[in-house]
Protein backbone atom coordinates (compact mmCIF):
# COMPACT_ATOMS: atom_id res chain seq x y z
CA MET A 1 0.00 0.00 0.00
CA ALA A 2 1.21 3.51 -0.76
CA ASP A 3 2.60 5.46 2.20
CA PRO A 4 -0.37 7.49 3.58
CA ARG A 5 1.72 10.46 4.66
CA LEU A 6 3.25 11.95 1.53
CA PHE A 7 2.07 12.70 -2.01
CA PRO A 8 4.15 13.93 -4.97
CA ILE A 9 3.35 17.40 -6.29
CA PHE A 10 4.34 18.72 -9.71
CA VAL A 11 5.33 22.38 -9.55
CA ARG A 12 5.53 24.31 -12.80
CA GLN A 13 8.82 26.03 -13.55
CA GLU A 14 8.49 29.49 -15.06
CA ARG A 15 5.79 29.50 -17.78
CA SER A 16 6.39 26.05 -19.26
CA ARG A 17 3.44 23.63 -19.14
CA SER A 18 5.82 20.66 -19.39
CA HIS A 19 8.74 21.75 -17.20
CA PHE A 20 8.23 20.95 -13.51
CA LYS A 21 9.91 20.01 -10.27
CA VAL A 22 8.64 17.36 -7.83
CA GLY A 23 8.20 17.79 -4.09
CA TYR A 24 5.96 16.12 -1.50
CA ILE A 25 3.01 17.21 0.65
CA ASP A 26 1.21 15.53 3.52
CA ILE A 27 -2.50 14.68 3.57
CA LYS A 28 -3.32 18.21 4.78
CA GLY A 29 -1.57 19.72 1.76
CA GLU A 30 1.37 21.05 3.75
CA LEU A 31 4.76 20.97 2.04
CA VAL A 32 7.09 18.39 3.60
CA VAL A 33 9.79 17.90 0.94
CA GLU A 34 10.80 20.86 -1.21
CA PRO A 35 10.17 20.56 -4.99
CA ILE A 36 13.76 20.07 -6.15
CA PHE A 37 13.51 16.80 -8.08
CA ASP A 38 13.06 16.31 -11.84
CA GLU A 39 10.76 13.29 -11.37
CA GLY A 40 9.27 11.48 -8.41
CA THR A 41 7.11 8.47 -7.63
CA ARG A 42 4.58 7.86 -4.89
CA PHE A 43 5.86 6.63 -1.55
CA TRP A 44 5.88 2.87 -1.21
CA ASP A 45 7.15 1.01 1.83
CA GLY A 46 8.22 4.32 3.39
CA VAL A 47 10.41 5.52 0.51
CA ALA A 48 10.03 7.12 -2.93
CA SER A 49 12.16 7.18 -6.07
CA VAL A 50 13.25 10.60 -7.30
CA LYS A 51 15.21 11.72 -10.32
CA ILE A 52 17.93 14.35 -10.55
CA GLY A 53 19.33 14.95 -14.00
CA GLY A 54 19.54 11.59 -15.70
CA ARG A 55 19.73 9.40 -12.60
CA TRP A 56 17.29 8.08 -10.01
CA GLY A 57 17.76 7.80 -6.27
CA VAL A 58 15.57 6.88 -3.30
CA ILE A 59 14.50 9.21 -0.46
CA ASN A 60 12.82 8.67 2.89
CA ALA A 61 9.90 10.67 4.30
CA SER A 62 12.30 13.40 5.47
CA GLY A 63 13.56 13.92 1.92
CA GLU A 64 16.96 12.40 2.71
CA PHE A 65 18.60 10.07 0.22
CA VAL A 66 18.79 6.46 1.34
CA ILE A 67 20.11 5.50 -2.10
CA ASP A 68 22.12 8.18 -3.90
CA PRO A 69 20.90 9.28 -7.36
CA ALA A 70 23.01 6.92 -9.42
CA LEU A 71 20.36 4.46 -10.65
CA TRP A 72 19.15 4.18 -14.24
CA GLY A 73 15.53 3.62 -13.25
CA TRP A 74 13.02 4.01 -10.41
CA CYS A 75 12.40 1.51 -7.63
CA ARG A 76 9.12 0.44 -6.05
CA PHE A 77 9.85 -1.20 -2.72
CA GLU A 78 7.78 -3.86 -1.00
CA ARG A 79 8.87 -5.10 2.44
CA GLY A 80 12.35 -3.65 1.97
CA VAL A 81 13.22 -4.92 -1.51
CA SER A 82 12.76 -3.75 -5.09
CA SER A 83 13.61 -4.87 -8.58
CA ILE A 84 16.32 -2.72 -10.19
CA CYS A 85 17.76 -2.30 -13.67
CA VAL A 86 21.52 -1.88 -14.09
CA LYS A 87 22.88 -1.49 -17.62
CA GLY A 88 19.95 -3.35 -19.14
CA ARG A 89 19.90 -6.26 -16.69
CA TRP A 90 17.57 -6.71 -13.73
CA GLY A 91 18.27 -7.74 -10.16
CA ILE A 92 17.07 -7.01 -6.60
CA VAL A 93 18.17 -4.23 -4.24
CA ASP A 94 17.38 -3.39 -0.61
CA GLN A 95 16.61 0.07 0.81
CA LYS A 96 20.27 0.71 1.58
CA GLY A 97 21.27 0.16 -2.02
CA ASN A 98 22.77 -3.29 -1.39
CA LEU A 99 22.27 -5.80 -4.18
CA ILE A 100 20.43 -8.88 -2.98
CA LEU A 101 20.52 -10.42 -6.45
CA GLU A 102 23.09 -9.36 -9.02
CA PRO A 103 21.36 -8.13 -12.20
CA LYS A 104 20.98 -11.06 -14.57
CA TYR A 105 17.43 -11.02 -15.94
CA SER A 106 16.24 -9.34 -19.12
CA PHE A 107 13.15 -8.13 -17.28
CA MET A 108 11.73 -7.95 -13.77
CA ALA A 109 8.44 -6.43 -12.60
CA SER A 110 7.82 -4.83 -9.20
CA PHE A 111 7.32 -7.10 -6.19
CA ARG A 112 3.77 -8.00 -5.25
CA GLU A 113 2.95 -10.20 -2.26
CA GLY A 114 6.63 -11.13 -1.89
CA PHE A 115 7.29 -12.22 -5.48
CA ALA A 116 8.27 -10.58 -8.75
CA VAL A 117 7.79 -11.66 -12.35
CA CYS A 118 11.17 -12.09 -14.05
CA GLY A 119 12.09 -12.84 -17.66
CA THR A 120 14.92 -13.98 -19.89
CA GLN A 121 15.38 -13.90 -23.64
CA GLU A 122 15.05 -17.22 -25.45
CA LYS A 123 15.54 -17.15 -29.22
CA GLY A 124 14.49 -13.53 -29.32
CA LYS A 125 11.40 -14.02 -27.15
CA LEU A 126 10.89 -13.41 -23.45
CA ARG A 127 10.13 -16.33 -21.19
CA TYR A 128 8.75 -15.58 -17.74
CA GLY A 129 9.16 -16.92 -14.22
CA PHE A 130 9.00 -15.73 -10.60
CA VAL A 131 11.58 -14.89 -7.94
CA ASP A 132 11.11 -14.30 -4.23
CA ARG A 133 12.55 -11.47 -2.09
CA ASN A 134 15.85 -13.34 -1.71
CA GLY A 135 16.27 -13.83 -5.45
CA THR A 136 15.39 -17.52 -5.32
CA GLU A 137 13.48 -18.71 -8.38
CA LEU A 138 9.98 -19.85 -7.51
CA VAL A 139 9.37 -20.68 -11.16
CA PRO A 140 12.22 -20.66 -13.72
CA PRO A 141 11.65 -18.48 -16.82
CA VAL A 142 9.74 -21.01 -18.92
CA LEU A 143 6.28 -19.44 -19.03
CA HIS A 144 5.00 -17.68 -22.15
CA ASP A 145 3.64 -14.79 -20.06
CA ALA A 146 2.89 -14.02 -16.42
CA CYS A 147 1.27 -11.41 -14.16
CA SER A 148 1.97 -10.41 -10.57
CA PHE A 149 0.47 -12.18 -7.56
CA SER A 150 -2.83 -10.96 -6.16
CA GLU A 151 -4.72 -12.65 -3.33
CA GLY A 152 -2.25 -15.53 -3.42
CA LEU A 153 -2.62 -16.37 -7.11
CA ALA A 154 -0.77 -15.23 -10.23
CA ALA A 155 -1.92 -15.57 -13.83
CA ALA A 156 0.54 -17.60 -15.91
CA LYS A 157 0.42 -18.47 -19.60
CA VAL A 158 1.50 -21.74 -21.20
CA GLY A 159 1.19 -21.79 -24.98
CA ASP A 160 -1.97 -19.85 -25.77
CA LEU A 161 -3.80 -20.54 -22.50
CA TRP A 162 -3.84 -18.87 -19.11
CA GLY A 163 -4.08 -20.46 -15.69
CA TYR A 164 -3.16 -19.44 -12.14
CA ILE A 165 -0.26 -20.57 -9.95
CA THR A 166 0.21 -20.49 -6.17
CA PRO A 167 3.37 -19.32 -4.32
CA SER A 168 4.56 -22.94 -4.46
CA GLY A 169 4.84 -22.58 -8.22
CA ALA A 170 2.16 -25.18 -8.91
CA PHE A 171 -0.92 -24.48 -11.00
CA LYS A 172 -4.04 -24.25 -8.85
CA ILE A 173 -6.12 -23.38 -11.92
CA LYS A 174 -4.77 -25.21 -14.94
CA PRO A 175 -4.17 -23.24 -18.18
CA GLN A 176 -7.55 -23.19 -19.91
CA PHE A 177 -8.49 -19.59 -20.70
CA PRO A 178 -7.78 -18.11 -24.15
CA GLY A 179 -5.37 -15.24 -24.18
CA THR A 180 -6.70 -13.34 -27.16
CA CYS A 181 -9.31 -10.61 -27.12
CA PRO A 182 -10.26 -9.64 -30.70
CA GLY A 183 -10.03 -5.98 -31.56
CA ARG A 184 -7.78 -4.96 -28.67
CA SER A 185 -4.06 -4.27 -28.71
CA GLY A 186 -1.33 -3.90 -26.12
CA PRO A 187 -0.08 -6.32 -23.44
CA GLU A 188 -3.25 -6.25 -21.33
CA ALA A 189 -5.35 -7.33 -24.32
CA SER A 190 -4.00 -10.86 -23.98
CA GLN A 191 -3.69 -11.17 -20.21
CA ALA A 192 -5.85 -12.90 -17.65
CA GLY A 193 -6.98 -10.58 -14.85
CA TYR A 194 -6.03 -10.16 -11.20
CA PHE A 195 -7.93 -11.72 -8.32
CA ARG A 196 -9.51 -9.03 -6.19
CA GLU A 197 -12.36 -9.52 -3.72
CA GLY A 198 -12.30 -13.22 -4.59
CA LEU A 199 -12.89 -12.98 -8.35
CA ALA A 200 -10.78 -12.45 -11.49
CA PRO A 201 -11.80 -11.43 -15.03
CA VAL A 202 -10.81 -13.84 -17.81
CA TRP A 203 -11.41 -13.95 -21.53
CA THR A 204 -13.47 -17.05 -22.26
CA GLY A 205 -13.40 -16.85 -26.04
CA ALA A 206 -16.87 -15.34 -26.26
CA GLY A 207 -16.23 -12.42 -23.92
CA TYR A 208 -15.08 -11.64 -20.40
CA GLY A 209 -16.45 -13.46 -17.40
CA PHE A 210 -15.21 -13.84 -13.81
CA ILE A 211 -13.79 -16.92 -12.13
CA ASP A 212 -13.49 -17.84 -8.46
CA PRO A 213 -10.24 -19.14 -6.86
CA GLY A 214 -11.25 -22.67 -7.83
CA GLY A 215 -11.32 -21.76 -11.51
CA GLU A 216 -15.11 -21.98 -11.83
CA LEU A 217 -17.00 -19.30 -13.73
CA ALA A 218 -18.83 -17.32 -11.08
CA ILE A 219 -20.06 -14.66 -13.51
CA ARG A 220 -20.76 -16.05 -16.96
CA ASP A 221 -21.77 -12.88 -18.78
CA SER A 222 -19.76 -11.95 -21.88
CA PHE A 223 -18.41 -8.42 -21.66
CA GLU A 224 -16.24 -6.70 -24.27
CA GLU A 225 -13.96 -5.53 -21.46
CA ALA A 226 -13.78 -6.19 -17.73
CA ASP A 227 -11.52 -5.14 -14.88
CA SER A 228 -10.92 -6.49 -11.39
CA PHE A 229 -13.26 -5.75 -8.49
CA SER A 230 -12.82 -2.82 -6.13
CA SER A 231 -15.30 -1.46 -3.57
CA GLY A 232 -17.64 -4.30 -4.55
CA ARG A 233 -17.81 -3.12 -8.18
CA ALA A 234 -16.10 -4.22 -11.39
CA LEU A 235 -15.71 -2.03 -14.46
CA ILE A 236 -17.22 -3.60 -17.60
CA LYS A 237 -17.82 -2.52 -21.17
CA ARG A 238 -20.78 -3.22 -23.42
CA GLY A 239 -20.80 -1.75 -26.89
CA ALA A 240 -18.99 1.57 -26.66
CA ARG A 241 -19.97 2.35 -23.06
CA TYR A 242 -18.64 1.52 -19.61
CA GLY A 243 -20.59 0.56 -16.52
CA PHE A 244 -20.18 -1.51 -13.36
CA ILE A 245 -21.40 -4.83 -12.01
CA ASP A 246 -21.56 -6.20 -8.47
CA ARG A 247 -20.15 -9.54 -7.31
CA THR A 248 -23.29 -11.41 -8.41
CA GLY A 249 -22.81 -10.15 -11.97
CA ARG A 250 -25.77 -7.78 -11.77
CA VAL A 251 -25.30 -4.51 -13.67
CA VAL A 252 -25.69 -1.93 -10.89
CA ILE A 253 -24.41 1.09 -12.83
CA PRO A 254 -25.60 0.96 -16.47
CA PRO A 255 -22.96 1.22 -19.21
CA GLU A 256 -23.48 4.87 -20.13
CA PHE A 257 -20.01 6.35 -19.77
CA THR A 258 -17.54 7.00 -22.59
CA TYR A 259 -14.70 6.50 -20.10
CA ALA A 260 -14.39 5.11 -16.59
CA ARG A 261 -11.74 4.03 -14.09
CA GLN A 262 -11.94 1.39 -11.39
CA PHE A 263 -13.42 2.37 -8.05
CA SER A 264 -10.94 3.56 -5.47
CA GLU A 265 -11.97 4.40 -1.93
CA GLY A 266 -15.63 4.32 -2.96
CA LEU A 267 -15.42 6.66 -5.98
CA ALA A 268 -14.80 6.12 -9.70
CA ALA A 269 -13.75 8.70 -12.29
CA VAL A 270 -16.08 8.76 -15.33
CA ARG A 271 -16.76 10.77 -18.48
CA GLU A 272 -20.31 11.12 -19.82
CA LYS A 273 -19.87 13.06 -23.06
CA GLU A 274 -18.38 11.92 -26.37
CA TYR A 275 -14.80 12.55 -27.35
CA ARG A 276 -14.30 14.56 -30.51
CA VAL A 277 -11.44 16.27 -32.30
CA GLY A 278 -10.10 19.02 -30.08
CA PHE A 279 -12.43 18.13 -27.19
CA VAL A 280 -11.81 15.87 -24.21
CA PRO A 281 -15.01 15.54 -22.15
CA PRO A 282 -14.75 16.59 -18.50
CA CYS A 283 -14.28 13.98 -15.82
CA GLY A 284 -16.36 13.58 -12.66
CA PHE A 285 -16.78 10.96 -9.93
CA VAL A 286 -19.64 8.56 -9.15
CA ASP A 287 -20.26 6.61 -5.96
CA ILE A 288 -20.94 2.86 -5.84
CA GLU A 289 -24.64 3.48 -6.54
CA GLY A 290 -23.80 5.41 -9.72
CA GLN A 291 -24.68 8.84 -8.35
CA MET A 292 -22.51 11.69 -9.64
CA VAL A 293 -21.08 13.06 -6.40
CA LEU A 294 -18.30 15.23 -7.86
CA SER A 295 -19.41 17.15 -10.95
CA PRO A 296 -17.58 16.64 -14.27
CA THR A 297 -15.16 19.55 -14.04
CA PHE A 298 -11.79 17.84 -14.28
CA TYR A 299 -9.59 17.45 -17.36
CA SER A 300 -8.07 14.26 -15.91
CA ALA A 301 -8.16 12.30 -12.66
CA GLU A 302 -6.02 9.58 -11.10
CA ALA A 303 -7.34 7.11 -8.52
CA PHE A 304 -7.95 8.04 -4.87
CA GLN A 305 -5.23 6.74 -2.58
CA ASN A 306 -5.06 7.36 1.14
CA GLY A 307 -7.75 10.01 0.97
CA LEU A 308 -6.44 12.16 -1.90
CA CYS A 309 -6.68 12.14 -5.70
CA LEU A 310 -4.52 13.99 -8.24
CA VAL A 311 -6.68 15.91 -10.74
CA THR A 312 -6.11 18.47 -13.47
CA SER A 313 -8.20 21.16 -15.12
CA GLN A 314 -7.39 23.27 -18.15
CA ASP A 315 -5.31 25.63 -16.01
CA SER A 316 -4.51 23.80 -12.75
CA ILE A 317 -3.22 20.63 -11.14
CA GLY A 318 -3.89 19.60 -7.58
CA TYR A 319 -5.03 17.07 -4.99
CA ILE A 320 -8.65 16.82 -3.86
CA ARG A 321 -10.27 15.05 -0.93
CA ILE A 322 -13.25 12.75 -1.35
CA ASP A 323 -15.53 15.74 -0.79
CA GLY A 324 -13.97 17.45 -3.84
CA GLN A 325 -12.14 20.13 -1.85
CA TYR A 326 -8.55 20.92 -2.80
CA VAL A 327 -5.78 20.50 -0.26
CA TRP A 328 -3.11 21.63 -2.74
CA LYS A 329 -3.36 23.35 -6.11
CA GLY A 330 -0.90 24.80 -8.61
CA PRO A 331 -0.67 25.92 -12.26
CA TYR A 332 -1.35 23.17 -14.81
CA VAL A 333 1.63 21.10 -15.88
CA GLN A 334 1.96 17.90 -17.88
CA TYR A 335 3.15 15.77 -15.00
CA GLY A 336 5.35 12.70 -15.17
CA THR A 337 4.54 9.08 -14.52
CA LEU A 338 2.65 8.68 -11.25
CA ILE A 339 3.95 5.28 -10.16
């Protein structure tokens, strides 16, 4: 879970809408770490990655470096460890900058629930496996694709089919779900979903449904798109519109939005109007009953985390509380990656 105390702010430099510095505020909007960094992530596990010039380092909640800015990429720590890239190879580092695993993999994702997806090149193609916090291989890189652990299970692909493995490395749900969703592109188009609140979205061949931890279809409906559950709701798509279902599969918020995000802390960002050339419809927030509780006035909106949400308008950027009130606000800037 993200550290609840500090949030990155993006402070415009001079009149540029793309030149900014990153600092950190607390949940009240009070400045804690001065905006002196060129990039900065959220706080995870008590630390955040920040960039100065062309190198990344890691700071604590006082803004002090615990790892000097000499890294090529950012770190996202979980229980004291993070994957790290050094000269194109991936290993594991602790919060003091000590290498737990010398970089040897072609790829490594962030740690989730104590494990990280790793990958090696085999005849020009990546093969995937899992390592634990000590760098021990749970599964050697033989899988055709893999996702991070969630609720004790991780989606893993063998050939063209997805199943789910346990931390022992054994398949609890054998590979049986197709990994192709017609008409969609990008890595997530061919991935099985994450287990959240006891269910996971999978592509069945006819559309998306939801399975339980035993691999049985708990929700058999066929949606064009589906995301994992949060706040008792799952984002789904029918036709060209997005809506939400509950854990029984009942559509509780009709698919009437042109855009929607997952629920976070009881609210979901949505857009009602159509996109058109030169016009991005404003974004608002609905509650779990589908009531618009924060009017569509935002140009963009991230998810709520620890009581705050980063939003932008045509001329501002800032953090709002769940009641829509700003705790911090500054001139609009095209901010960096909010990891």
